[in-house]
């Protein structure tokens, strides 16, 4: 999950804090993932859904 998030952040030049806030209302989400946090299924689905919707909205 972290690899996909890191790629997304680079691809769209998004800050980790903004990603966490927009995705899961958790500004520390990416920081915690980088420190080894294992998100539950619900959070994983929210992350994947956010990235998919965001990609579609910018036409990628």
PDB file of N, CA and C in Angstrom:
ATOM      1  N   UNK A   1       0.825  -1.187   0.000  1.00  0.00           N
ATOM      2  CA  UNK A   1       0.000   0.000   0.000  1.00  0.00           C
ATOM      3  C   UNK A   1       0.872   1.255   0.000  1.00  0.00           C
ATOM      4  N   UNK A   2       1.922   1.247   0.804  1.00  0.00           N
ATOM      5  CA  UNK A   2       2.788   2.417   0.895  1.00  0.00           C
ATOM      6  C   UNK A   2       3.439   2.729  -0.448  1.00  0.00           C
ATOM      7  N   UNK A   3       3.851   1.716  -1.178  1.00  0.00           N
ATOM      8  CA  UNK A   3       4.488   1.945  -2.483  1.00  0.00           C
ATOM      9  C   UNK A   3       3.513   2.639  -3.426  1.00  0.00           C
ATOM     10  N   UNK A   4       2.268   2.196  -3.445  1.00  0.00           N
ATOM     11  CA  UNK A   4       1.257   2.808  -4.309  1.00  0.00           C
ATOM     12  C   UNK A   4       1.009   4.259  -3.900  1.00  0.00           C
ATOM     13  N   UNK A   5       0.966   4.515  -2.614  1.00  0.00           N
ATOM     14  CA  UNK A   5       0.747   5.882  -2.131  1.00  0.00           C
ATOM     15  C   UNK A   5       1.931   6.771  -2.505  1.00  0.00           C
ATOM     16  N   UNK A   6       3.140   6.283  -2.315  1.00  0.00           N
ATOM     17  CA  UNK A   6       4.331   7.073  -2.660  1.00  0.00           C
ATOM     18  C   UNK A   6       4.362   7.405  -4.158  1.00  0.00           C
ATOM     19  N   UNK A   7       4.015   6.449  -4.988  1.00  0.00           N
ATOM     20  CA  UNK A   7       3.952   6.706  -6.435  1.00  0.00           C
ATOM     21  C   UNK A   7       2.917   7.778  -6.751  1.00  0.00           C
ATOM     22  N   UNK A   8       1.756   7.661  -6.116  1.00  0.00           N
ATOM     23  CA  UNK A   8       0.686   8.625  -6.323  1.00  0.00           C
ATOM     24  C   UNK A   8       1.153  10.028  -5.926  1.00  0.00           C
ATOM     25  N   UNK A   9       1.792  10.154  -4.780  1.00  0.00           N
ATOM     26  CA  UNK A   9       2.268  11.451  -4.312  1.00  0.00           C
ATOM     27  C   UNK A   9       3.251  12.072  -5.295  1.00  0.00           C
ATOM     28  N   UNK A  10       4.163  11.263  -5.810  1.00  0.00           N
ATOM     29  CA  UNK A  10       5.127  11.771  -6.792  1.00  0.00           C
ATOM     30  C   UNK A  10       4.436  12.148  -8.098  1.00  0.00           C
ATOM     31  N   UNK A  11       3.556  11.279  -8.561  1.00  0.00           N
ATOM     32  CA  UNK A  11       2.882  11.495  -9.842  1.00  0.00           C
ATOM     33  C   UNK A  11       2.077  12.790  -9.845  1.00  0.00           C
ATOM     34  N   UNK A  12       1.391  13.074  -8.745  1.00  0.00           N
ATOM     35  CA  UNK A  12       0.507  14.237  -8.703  1.00  0.00           C
ATOM     36  C   UNK A  12       1.060  15.383  -7.864  1.00  0.00           C
ATOM     37  N   UNK A  13       2.310  15.234  -7.435  1.00  0.00           N
ATOM     38  CA  UNK A  13       2.985  16.275  -6.651  1.00  0.00           C
ATOM     39  C   UNK A  13       2.117  16.755  -5.498  1.00  0.00           C
ATOM     40  N   UNK A  14       1.609  15.802  -4.758  1.00  0.00           N
ATOM     41  CA  UNK A  14       0.724  16.087  -3.634  1.00  0.00           C
ATOM     42  C   UNK A  14       1.498  15.888  -2.337  1.00  0.00           C
ATOM     43  N   UNK A  15       1.263  16.751  -1.383  1.00  0.00           N
ATOM     44  CA  UNK A  15       1.938  16.602  -0.096  1.00  0.00           C
ATOM     45  C   UNK A  15       1.312  15.439   0.678  1.00  0.00           C
ATOM     46  N   UNK A  16       2.098  14.784   1.497  1.00  0.00           N
ATOM     47  CA  UNK A  16       1.571  13.680   2.302  1.00  0.00           C
ATOM     48  C   UNK A  16       0.434  14.114   3.223  1.00  0.00           C
ATOM     49  N   UNK A  17       0.543  15.320   3.774  1.00  0.00           N
ATOM     50  CA  UNK A  17      -0.497  15.810   4.675  1.00  0.00           C
ATOM     51  C   UNK A  17      -1.815  16.018   3.939  1.00  0.00           C
ATOM     52  N   UNK A  18      -1.748  16.634   2.769  1.00  0.00           N
ATOM     53  CA  UNK A  18      -2.970  16.849   1.987  1.00  0.00           C
ATOM     54  C   UNK A  18      -3.598  15.519   1.598  1.00  0.00           C
ATOM     55  N   UNK A  19      -2.767  14.574   1.169  1.00  0.00           N
ATOM     56  CA  UNK A  19      -3.276  13.258   0.792  1.00  0.00           C
ATOM     57  C   UNK A  19      -4.040  12.629   1.949  1.00  0.00           C
ATOM     58  N   UNK A  20      -3.431  12.601   3.115  1.00  0.00           N
ATOM     59  CA  UNK A  20      -4.065  11.990   4.274  1.00  0.00           C
ATOM     60  C   UNK A  20      -5.367  12.670   4.648  1.00  0.00           C
ATOM     61  N   UNK A  21      -5.357  14.003   4.610  1.00  0.00           N
ATOM     62  CA  UNK A  21      -6.576  14.754   4.941  1.00  0.00           C
ATOM     63  C   UNK A  21      -7.687  14.480   3.933  1.00  0.00           C
ATOM     64  N   UNK A  22      -7.364  14.589   2.656  1.00  0.00           N
ATOM     65  CA  UNK A  22      -8.375  14.413   1.613  1.00  0.00           C
ATOM     66  C   UNK A  22      -8.865  12.977   1.539  1.00  0.00           C
ATOM     67  N   UNK A  23      -8.000  12.058   1.787  1.00  0.00           N
ATOM     68  CA  UNK A  23      -8.308  10.642   1.622  1.00  0.00           C
ATOM     69  C   UNK A  23      -9.046  10.054   2.824  1.00  0.00           C
ATOM     70  N   UNK A  24      -8.520  10.309   4.003  1.00  0.00           N
ATOM     71  CA  UNK A  24      -9.050   9.620   5.191  1.00  0.00           C
ATOM     72  C   UNK A  24      -9.259  10.544   6.392  1.00  0.00           C
ATOM     73  N   UNK A  25      -9.228  11.847   6.145  1.00  0.00           N
ATOM     74  CA  UNK A  25      -9.354  12.822   7.240  1.00  0.00           C
ATOM     75  C   UNK A  25      -8.319  12.581   8.334  1.00  0.00           C
ATOM     76  N   UNK A  26      -7.124  12.153   7.902  1.00  0.00           N
ATOM     77  CA  UNK A  26      -6.038  11.855   8.835  1.00  0.00           C
ATOM     78  C   UNK A  26      -4.743  12.436   8.269  1.00  0.00           C
ATOM     79  N   UNK A  27      -4.361  13.649   8.688  1.00  0.00           N
ATOM     80  CA  UNK A  27      -3.168  14.279   8.113  1.00  0.00           C
ATOM     81  C   UNK A  27      -1.875  13.515   8.369  1.00  0.00           C
ATOM     82  N   UNK A  28      -1.870  12.601   9.316  1.00  0.00           N
ATOM     83  CA  UNK A  28      -0.665  11.823   9.628  1.00  0.00           C
ATOM     84  C   UNK A  28      -0.640  10.450   8.954  1.00  0.00           C
ATOM     85  N   UNK A  29      -1.614  10.181   8.120  1.00  0.00           N
ATOM     86  CA  UNK A  29      -1.738   8.854   7.504  1.00  0.00           C
ATOM     87  C   UNK A  29      -0.449   8.416   6.820  1.00  0.00           C
ATOM     88  N   UNK A  30       0.074   9.216   5.913  1.00  0.00           N
ATOM     89  CA  UNK A  30       1.279   8.818   5.168  1.00  0.00           C
ATOM     90  C   UNK A  30       2.467   8.703   6.108  1.00  0.00           C
ATOM     91  N   UNK A  31       2.595   9.638   7.021  1.00  0.00           N
ATOM     92  CA  UNK A  31       3.692   9.569   7.992  1.00  0.00           C
ATOM     93  C   UNK A  31       3.638   8.250   8.765  1.00  0.00           C
ATOM     94  N   UNK A  32       2.442   7.891   9.211  1.00  0.00           N
ATOM     95  CA  UNK A  32       2.284   6.641   9.957  1.00  0.00           C
ATOM     96  C   UNK A  32       2.554   5.417   9.091  1.00  0.00           C
ATOM     97  N   UNK A  33       2.123   5.455   7.831  1.00  0.00           N
ATOM     98  CA  UNK A  33       2.415   4.341   6.915  1.00  0.00           C
ATOM     99  C   UNK A  33       3.922   4.187   6.740  1.00  0.00           C
ATOM    100  N   UNK A  34       4.599   5.306   6.624  1.00  0.00           N
ATOM    101  CA  UNK A  34       6.068   5.270   6.464  1.00  0.00           C
ATOM    102  C   UNK A  34       6.746   4.700   7.703  1.00  0.00           C
ATOM    103  N   UNK A  35       6.121   4.833   8.835  1.00  0.00           N
ATOM    104  CA  UNK A  35       6.679   4.305  10.086  1.00  0.00           C
ATOM    105  C   UNK A  35       6.215   2.888  10.375  1.00  0.00           C
ATOM    106  N   UNK A  36       5.493   2.275   9.431  1.00  0.00           N
ATOM    107  CA  UNK A  36       5.145   0.877   9.595  1.00  0.00           C
ATOM    108  C   UNK A  36       3.692   0.575   9.908  1.00  0.00           C
ATOM    109  N   UNK A  37       2.849   1.592   9.981  1.00  0.00           N
ATOM    110  CA  UNK A  37       1.426   1.347  10.255  1.00  0.00           C
ATOM    111  C   UNK A  37       0.816   0.474   9.170  1.00  0.00           C
ATOM    112  N   UNK A  38       0.082  -0.518   9.580  1.00  0.00           N
ATOM    113  CA  UNK A  38      -0.625  -1.389   8.646  1.00  0.00           C
ATOM    114  C   UNK A  38      -2.106  -1.015   8.679  1.00  0.00           C
ATOM    115  N   UNK A  39      -2.596  -0.379   7.621  1.00  0.00           N
ATOM    116  CA  UNK A  39      -3.999   0.049   7.637  1.00  0.00           C
ATOM    117  C   UNK A  39      -4.944  -1.143   7.537  1.00  0.00           C
ATOM    118  N   UNK A  40      -6.111  -0.981   8.132  1.00  0.00           N
ATOM    119  CA  UNK A  40      -7.134  -2.011   8.044  1.00  0.00           C
ATOM    120  C   UNK A  40      -7.774  -2.017   6.664  1.00  0.00           C
ATOM    121  N   UNK A  41      -8.635  -2.978   6.442  1.00  0.00           N
ATOM    122  CA  UNK A  41      -9.288  -3.112   5.136  1.00  0.00           C
ATOM    123  C   UNK A  41     -10.087  -1.871   4.757  1.00  0.00           C
ATOM    124  N   UNK A  42     -10.775  -1.299   5.711  1.00  0.00           N
ATOM    125  CA  UNK A  42     -11.597  -0.116   5.427  1.00  0.00           C
ATOM    126  C   UNK A  42     -10.739   1.057   4.963  1.00  0.00           C
ATOM    127  N   UNK A  43      -9.627   1.293   5.635  1.00  0.00           N
ATOM    128  CA  UNK A  43      -8.735   2.391   5.256  1.00  0.00           C
ATOM    129  C   UNK A  43      -8.091   2.095   3.908  1.00  0.00           C
ATOM    130  N   UNK A  44      -7.713   0.859   3.671  1.00  0.00           N
ATOM    131  CA  UNK A  44      -7.138   0.486   2.372  1.00  0.00           C
ATOM    132  C   UNK A  44      -8.115   0.796   1.246  1.00  0.00           C
ATOM    133  N   UNK A  45      -9.390   0.446   1.460  1.00  0.00           N
ATOM    134  CA  UNK A  45     -10.408   0.725   0.435  1.00  0.00           C
ATOM    135  C   UNK A  45     -10.572   2.221   0.206  1.00  0.00           C
ATOM    136  N   UNK A  46     -10.528   2.998   1.293  1.00  0.00           N
ATOM    137  CA  UNK A  46     -10.652   4.460   1.160  1.00  0.00           C
ATOM    138  C   UNK A  46      -9.477   5.030   0.374  1.00  0.00           C
ATOM    139  N   UNK A  47      -8.269   4.535   0.655  1.00  0.00           N
ATOM    140  CA  UNK A  47      -7.076   5.006  -0.049  1.00  0.00           C
ATOM    141  C   UNK A  47      -7.185   4.679  -1.534  1.00  0.00           C
ATOM    142  N   UNK A  48      -7.510   3.442  -1.847  1.00  0.00           N
ATOM    143  CA  UNK A  48      -7.620   3.029  -3.251  1.00  0.00           C
ATOM    144  C   UNK A  48      -8.719   3.805  -3.962  1.00  0.00           C
ATOM    145  N   UNK A  49      -9.848   3.981  -3.314  1.00  0.00           N
ATOM    146  CA  UNK A  49     -10.961   4.723  -3.905  1.00  0.00           C
ATOM    147  C   UNK A  49     -10.546   6.173  -4.180  1.00  0.00           C
ATOM    148  N   UNK A  50      -9.912   6.808  -3.209  1.00  0.00           N
ATOM    149  CA  UNK A  50      -9.467   8.191  -3.378  1.00  0.00           C
ATOM    150  C   UNK A  50      -8.516   8.318  -4.564  1.00  0.00           C
ATOM    151  N   UNK A  51      -7.531   7.431  -4.644  1.00  0.00           N
ATOM    152  CA  UNK A  51      -6.556   7.523  -5.737  1.00  0.00           C
ATOM    153  C   UNK A  51      -7.239   7.304  -7.088  1.00  0.00           C
ATOM    154  N   UNK A  52      -8.153   6.355  -7.173  1.00  0.00           N
ATOM    155  CA  UNK A  52      -8.863   6.098  -8.434  1.00  0.00           C
ATOM    156  C   UNK A  52      -9.706   7.296  -8.857  1.00  0.00           C
ATOM    157  N   UNK A  53     -10.463   7.855  -7.934  1.00  0.00           N
ATOM    158  CA  UNK A  53     -11.313   9.006  -8.239  1.00  0.00           C
ATOM    159  C   UNK A  53     -10.461  10.210  -8.626  1.00  0.00           C
ATOM    160  N   UNK A  54      -9.376  10.439  -7.905  1.00  0.00           N
ATOM    161  CA  UNK A  54      -8.504  11.570  -8.199  1.00  0.00           C
ATOM    162  C   UNK A  54      -7.905  11.440  -9.600  1.00  0.00           C
ATOM    163  N   UNK A  55      -7.430  10.251  -9.936  1.00  0.00           N
ATOM    164  CA  UNK A  55      -6.867  10.028 -11.283  1.00  0.00           C
ATOM    165  C   UNK A  55      -7.891  10.334 -12.371  1.00  0.00           C
ATOM    166  N   UNK A  56      -9.117   9.849 -12.176  1.00  0.00           N
ATOM    167  CA  UNK A  56     -10.174  10.102 -13.159  1.00  0.00           C
ATOM    168  C   UNK A  56     -10.493  11.584 -13.277  1.00  0.00           C
ATOM    169  N   UNK A  57     -10.452  12.279 -12.152  1.00  0.00           N
ATOM    170  CA  UNK A  57     -10.830  13.693 -12.159  1.00  0.00           C
ATOM    171  C   UNK A  57      -9.801  14.572 -12.890  1.00  0.00           C
ATOM    172  N   UNK A  58      -8.558  14.128 -12.937  1.00  0.00           N
ATOM    173  CA  UNK A  58      -7.544  14.902 -13.664  1.00  0.00           C
ATOM    174  C   UNK A  58      -7.273  14.323 -15.038  1.00  0.00           C
ATOM    175  N   UNK A  59      -8.053  13.321 -15.427  1.00  0.00           N
ATOM    176  CA  UNK A  59      -7.973  12.784 -16.780  1.00  0.00           C
ATOM    177  C   UNK A  59      -6.827  11.853 -17.065  1.00  0.00           C
ATOM    178  N   UNK A  60      -6.406  11.089 -16.051  1.00  0.00           N
ATOM    179  CA  UNK A  60      -5.293  10.179 -16.287  1.00  0.00           C
ATOM    180  C   UNK A  60      -5.798   8.773 -16.329  1.00  0.00           C
TER     181      UNK A  60
END
